[in-house]
Amino acid sequence: MASAPLHIAFVDDHRLVREGLANTCSQWPLGKVVLQADDGLHYEKQLPEVGHIHVAIVDLHMPVRDGYDTIAWIVRHTPRTRALALSFSDDPLHVERALRAGACGYLLKNARTEEMFKAIVHAHEHGFYYNHLVDRQLRGRVDHDLATRHPHKRWASLTAMQHQVAVLYADPDNGTMADIAIRLGIAPATVEKHRQAVFEKLDIGSRPELVKLVLLNGLK
């Protein structure tokens, strides 16, 4: 059985650009555009009508609420949504600022259609999309800097399965990895793989540290 298409949003004040991207996505069987917005505030107002967005592609330069603030809003209020930054600029300062806001990748407006589709899939399945603008070293530096000040951004970077593992592992009542594996219906080795990824992303080294991080910051 084919999986349901990903729900995609485009946020861009240039109507021709936004509608052009949406029309391109309409030909893609893996995604469905369910929301288009002129700016971040317009996006926020429409969101209750359409429900969960898997991936939002957000132009950085917009009036009312720009892309940086929109991405930060998405990370804070709908952390399961992945936000990809979109811009004409390849300025490293803009790229890093977008990552600090919580973007899980950076696309240029002249990127090929295939790259946009690839970015959407990677952002959804792996939590991040790397390209020539964003390498692992840059992301690691930004993540490390944010970790000490913004644990919510680290938490939001977890994939859906990593999030489930983290929540269960942070609850001492859930016992061992084998217990969690049974709860999730996956192999213990798979749980361990996700646990290692969680620890790496949250920059922690033990279960007590995870429990402390969750409790002190109200993460869930």
Protein backbone atom coordinates (compact mmCIF):
# COMPACT_ATOMS: atom_id res chain seq x y z
CA MET A 1 0.00 0.00 0.00
CA ALA A 2 1.42 3.40 -0.98
CA SER A 3 2.00 5.82 1.87
CA ALA A 4 0.02 9.04 2.08
CA PRO A 5 1.71 12.05 0.44
CA LEU A 6 3.60 14.49 2.62
CA HIS A 7 1.72 17.66 3.50
CA ILE A 8 3.74 20.61 2.23
CA ALA A 9 3.45 24.37 2.78
CA PHE A 10 5.01 27.20 0.80
CA VAL A 11 5.48 30.55 2.52
CA ASP A 12 6.61 33.29 0.13
CA ASP A 13 5.33 36.80 -0.52
CA HIS A 14 6.14 36.53 -4.25
CA ARG A 15 2.96 34.98 -5.59
CA LEU A 16 4.41 33.87 -8.92
CA VAL A 17 7.29 32.07 -7.18
CA ARG A 18 5.04 30.49 -4.57
CA GLU A 19 2.41 29.30 -7.02
CA GLY A 20 5.08 28.09 -9.43
CA LEU A 21 6.63 25.91 -6.73
CA ALA A 22 3.21 24.66 -5.68
CA ASN A 23 2.33 23.76 -9.27
CA THR A 24 5.60 21.87 -9.59
CA CYS A 25 4.79 19.90 -6.44
CA SER A 26 1.33 19.08 -7.76
CA GLN A 27 3.01 16.76 -10.27
CA TRP A 28 4.95 14.94 -7.53
CA PRO A 29 3.25 11.82 -6.13
CA LEU A 30 5.12 11.95 -2.79
CA GLY A 31 3.85 15.36 -1.75
CA LYS A 32 0.70 17.47 -1.62
CA VAL A 33 0.63 21.24 -1.15
CA VAL A 34 -1.99 21.94 1.51
CA LEU A 35 -1.08 25.52 2.45
CA GLN A 36 0.24 28.63 0.71
CA ALA A 37 0.93 31.84 2.62
CA ASP A 38 2.23 35.36 1.90
CA ASP A 39 4.17 35.58 5.15
CA GLY A 40 4.64 33.92 8.53
CA LEU A 41 1.57 35.46 10.14
CA HIS A 42 -0.61 34.35 7.23
CA TYR A 43 0.84 30.85 7.64
CA GLU A 44 0.03 30.81 11.35
CA LYS A 45 -3.57 31.93 10.76
CA GLN A 46 -4.20 29.24 8.14
CA LEU A 47 -2.58 26.38 10.03
CA PRO A 48 -5.60 25.36 12.17
CA GLU A 49 -7.63 24.83 9.00
CA VAL A 50 -5.20 22.39 7.37
CA GLY A 51 -3.69 20.53 10.32
CA HIS A 52 -0.22 19.03 10.47
CA ILE A 53 2.39 20.16 7.94
CA HIS A 54 5.24 17.73 7.34
CA VAL A 55 7.55 20.20 5.59
CA ALA A 56 7.26 23.98 5.24
CA ILE A 57 9.42 25.75 2.66
CA VAL A 58 9.89 29.31 3.89
CA ASP A 59 11.23 32.33 2.02
CA LEU A 60 13.58 34.26 4.28
CA HIS A 61 12.74 37.76 3.08
CA MET A 62 9.08 38.61 3.61
CA PRO A 63 7.12 41.48 5.18
CA VAL A 64 5.06 41.28 8.39
CA ARG A 65 6.86 38.18 9.72
CA ASP A 66 10.01 37.29 7.82
CA GLY A 67 11.36 33.82 7.17
CA TYR A 68 13.74 33.74 10.12
CA ASP A 69 10.97 34.56 12.58
CA THR A 70 8.57 32.21 10.79
CA ILE A 71 11.01 29.30 11.05
CA ALA A 72 11.58 30.07 14.73
CA TRP A 73 7.79 30.13 15.26
CA ILE A 74 7.41 26.76 13.53
CA VAL A 75 10.15 25.20 15.67
CA ARG A 76 8.60 26.53 18.86
CA HIS A 77 4.89 25.90 18.17
CA THR A 78 4.84 22.94 15.75
CA PRO A 79 8.18 21.19 16.34
CA ARG A 80 7.25 18.10 14.29
CA THR A 81 7.12 20.27 11.17
CA ARG A 82 10.42 20.56 9.29
CA ALA A 83 11.19 24.03 7.95
CA LEU A 84 13.41 24.48 4.89
CA ALA A 85 14.78 27.98 4.27
CA LEU A 86 14.37 29.39 0.75
CA SER A 87 16.28 32.35 -0.66
CA PHE A 88 17.98 33.90 -3.69
CA SER A 89 21.01 34.52 -1.48
CA ASP A 90 23.86 32.10 -0.86
CA ASP A 91 25.48 34.47 1.65
CA PRO A 92 26.96 32.31 4.45
CA LEU A 93 25.65 34.78 7.02
CA HIS A 94 22.08 34.23 5.80
CA VAL A 95 22.60 30.47 5.78
CA GLU A 96 23.89 30.40 9.35
CA ARG A 97 21.16 32.75 10.57
CA ALA A 98 18.54 30.43 9.06
CA LEU A 99 20.08 27.43 10.83
CA ARG A 100 20.11 29.31 14.10
CA ALA A 101 16.40 30.05 13.64
CA GLY A 102 15.82 26.30 13.31
CA ALA A 103 15.90 25.58 9.56
CA CYS A 104 16.64 21.97 8.68
CA GLY A 105 18.13 22.87 5.32
CA TYR A 106 18.70 25.74 2.91
CA LEU A 107 17.55 25.93 -0.70
CA LEU A 108 18.24 28.52 -3.36
CA LYS A 109 15.32 29.68 -5.47
CA ASN A 110 17.17 28.65 -8.62
CA ALA A 111 17.65 25.08 -7.38
CA ARG A 112 16.57 22.25 -9.63
CA THR A 113 13.19 20.65 -9.02
CA GLU A 114 14.90 17.36 -8.18
CA GLU A 115 16.86 19.02 -5.38
CA MET A 116 13.71 20.49 -3.85
CA PHE A 117 12.04 17.08 -3.83
CA LYS A 118 15.19 15.50 -2.37
CA ALA A 119 15.34 18.20 0.34
CA ILE A 120 11.70 17.63 1.32
CA VAL A 121 12.19 13.87 1.66
CA HIS A 122 15.46 14.17 3.59
CA ALA A 123 14.05 16.82 5.93
CA HIS A 124 11.06 14.62 6.71
CA GLU A 125 12.82 11.26 6.99
CA HIS A 126 16.17 12.28 8.44
CA GLY A 127 15.41 15.62 10.09
CA PHE A 128 17.89 17.55 7.96
CA TYR A 129 19.04 18.17 4.39
CA TYR A 130 22.70 18.77 3.57
CA ASN A 131 23.95 20.37 0.37
CA HIS A 132 26.81 22.60 -0.82
CA LEU A 133 25.47 25.44 1.37
CA VAL A 134 25.16 23.48 4.60
CA ASP A 135 27.68 20.80 5.55
CA ARG A 136 27.88 18.75 8.73
CA GLN A 137 30.65 20.94 10.16
CA LEU A 138 28.55 24.12 9.89
CA ARG A 139 25.48 22.42 11.31
CA GLY A 140 27.51 20.91 14.14
CA ARG A 141 28.96 24.28 15.09
CA VAL A 142 25.55 25.95 15.09
CA ASP A 143 23.92 23.07 16.98
CA HIS A 144 26.63 23.03 19.62
CA ASP A 145 26.29 26.77 20.15
CA LEU A 146 22.50 26.57 20.41
CA ALA A 147 22.51 23.52 22.67
CA THR A 148 23.73 25.40 25.72
CA ARG A 149 21.15 28.16 25.26
CA HIS A 150 18.22 26.64 23.39
CA PRO A 151 17.55 23.00 24.29
CA HIS A 152 14.15 23.23 22.59
CA LYS A 153 15.87 23.62 19.22
CA ARG A 154 17.86 20.45 19.81
CA TRP A 155 14.71 18.61 20.88
CA ALA A 156 12.91 19.80 17.75
CA SER A 157 15.73 18.43 15.59
CA LEU A 158 14.83 14.84 16.54
CA THR A 159 13.10 12.71 13.94
CA ALA A 160 9.65 11.30 14.76
CA MET A 161 11.06 7.92 15.87
CA GLN A 162 13.93 9.51 17.80
CA HIS A 163 11.37 11.65 19.60
CA GLN A 164 9.33 8.60 20.61
CA VAL A 165 12.43 6.80 21.86
CA ALA A 166 13.57 9.87 23.80
CA VAL A 167 10.19 10.34 25.49
CA LEU A 168 9.96 6.69 26.49
CA TYR A 169 13.59 6.45 27.59
CA ALA A 170 13.20 9.58 29.74
CA ASP A 171 10.47 7.81 31.71
CA PRO A 172 12.10 5.38 34.20
CA ASP A 173 8.87 3.36 34.35
CA ASN A 174 9.55 2.11 30.81
CA GLY A 175 12.52 0.05 31.95
CA THR A 176 14.97 -1.42 29.47
CA MET A 177 15.59 -1.01 25.76
CA ALA A 178 13.81 -4.32 25.25
CA ASP A 179 10.72 -2.91 27.01
CA ILE A 180 10.76 0.17 24.80
CA ALA A 181 11.25 -1.99 21.71
CA ILE A 182 8.10 -3.93 22.58
CA ARG A 183 6.17 -0.70 23.10
CA LEU A 184 7.24 0.61 19.68
CA GLY A 185 7.06 -2.70 17.84
CA ILE A 186 10.67 -2.53 16.62
CA ALA A 187 13.88 -4.44 17.32
CA PRO A 188 15.96 -3.57 20.43
CA ALA A 189 18.94 -2.90 18.17
CA THR A 190 16.88 -0.30 16.31
CA VAL A 191 15.91 1.34 19.60
CA GLU A 192 19.57 1.48 20.57
CA LYS A 193 20.46 3.10 17.24
CA HIS A 194 17.84 5.80 17.81
CA ARG A 195 18.96 6.27 21.42
CA GLN A 196 22.52 6.92 20.26
CA ALA A 197 21.27 9.48 17.74
CA VAL A 198 19.19 11.17 20.46
CA PHE A 199 22.16 11.42 22.79
CA GLU A 200 24.34 12.84 20.01
CA LYS A 201 21.78 15.48 18.99
CA LEU A 202 21.03 16.49 22.58
CA ASP A 203 24.73 16.41 23.51
CA ILE A 204 24.18 14.17 26.53
CA GLY A 205 25.78 10.94 27.67
CA SER A 206 23.40 9.17 30.02
CA ARG A 207 19.78 8.44 30.87
CA PRO A 208 19.84 10.65 34.00
CA GLU A 209 21.03 13.55 31.83
CA LEU A 210 18.12 12.96 29.46
CA VAL A 211 15.63 12.87 32.33
CA LYS A 212 17.08 16.09 33.75
CA LEU A 213 16.98 17.83 30.37
CA VAL A 214 13.35 16.85 29.80
CA LEU A 215 12.18 17.85 33.28
CA LEU A 216 14.06 21.15 33.52
CA ASN A 217 12.97 22.36 30.09
CA GLY A 218 9.42 20.96 29.99
CA LEU A 219 10.15 18.91 26.88
CA LYS A 220 7.59 16.41 25.65
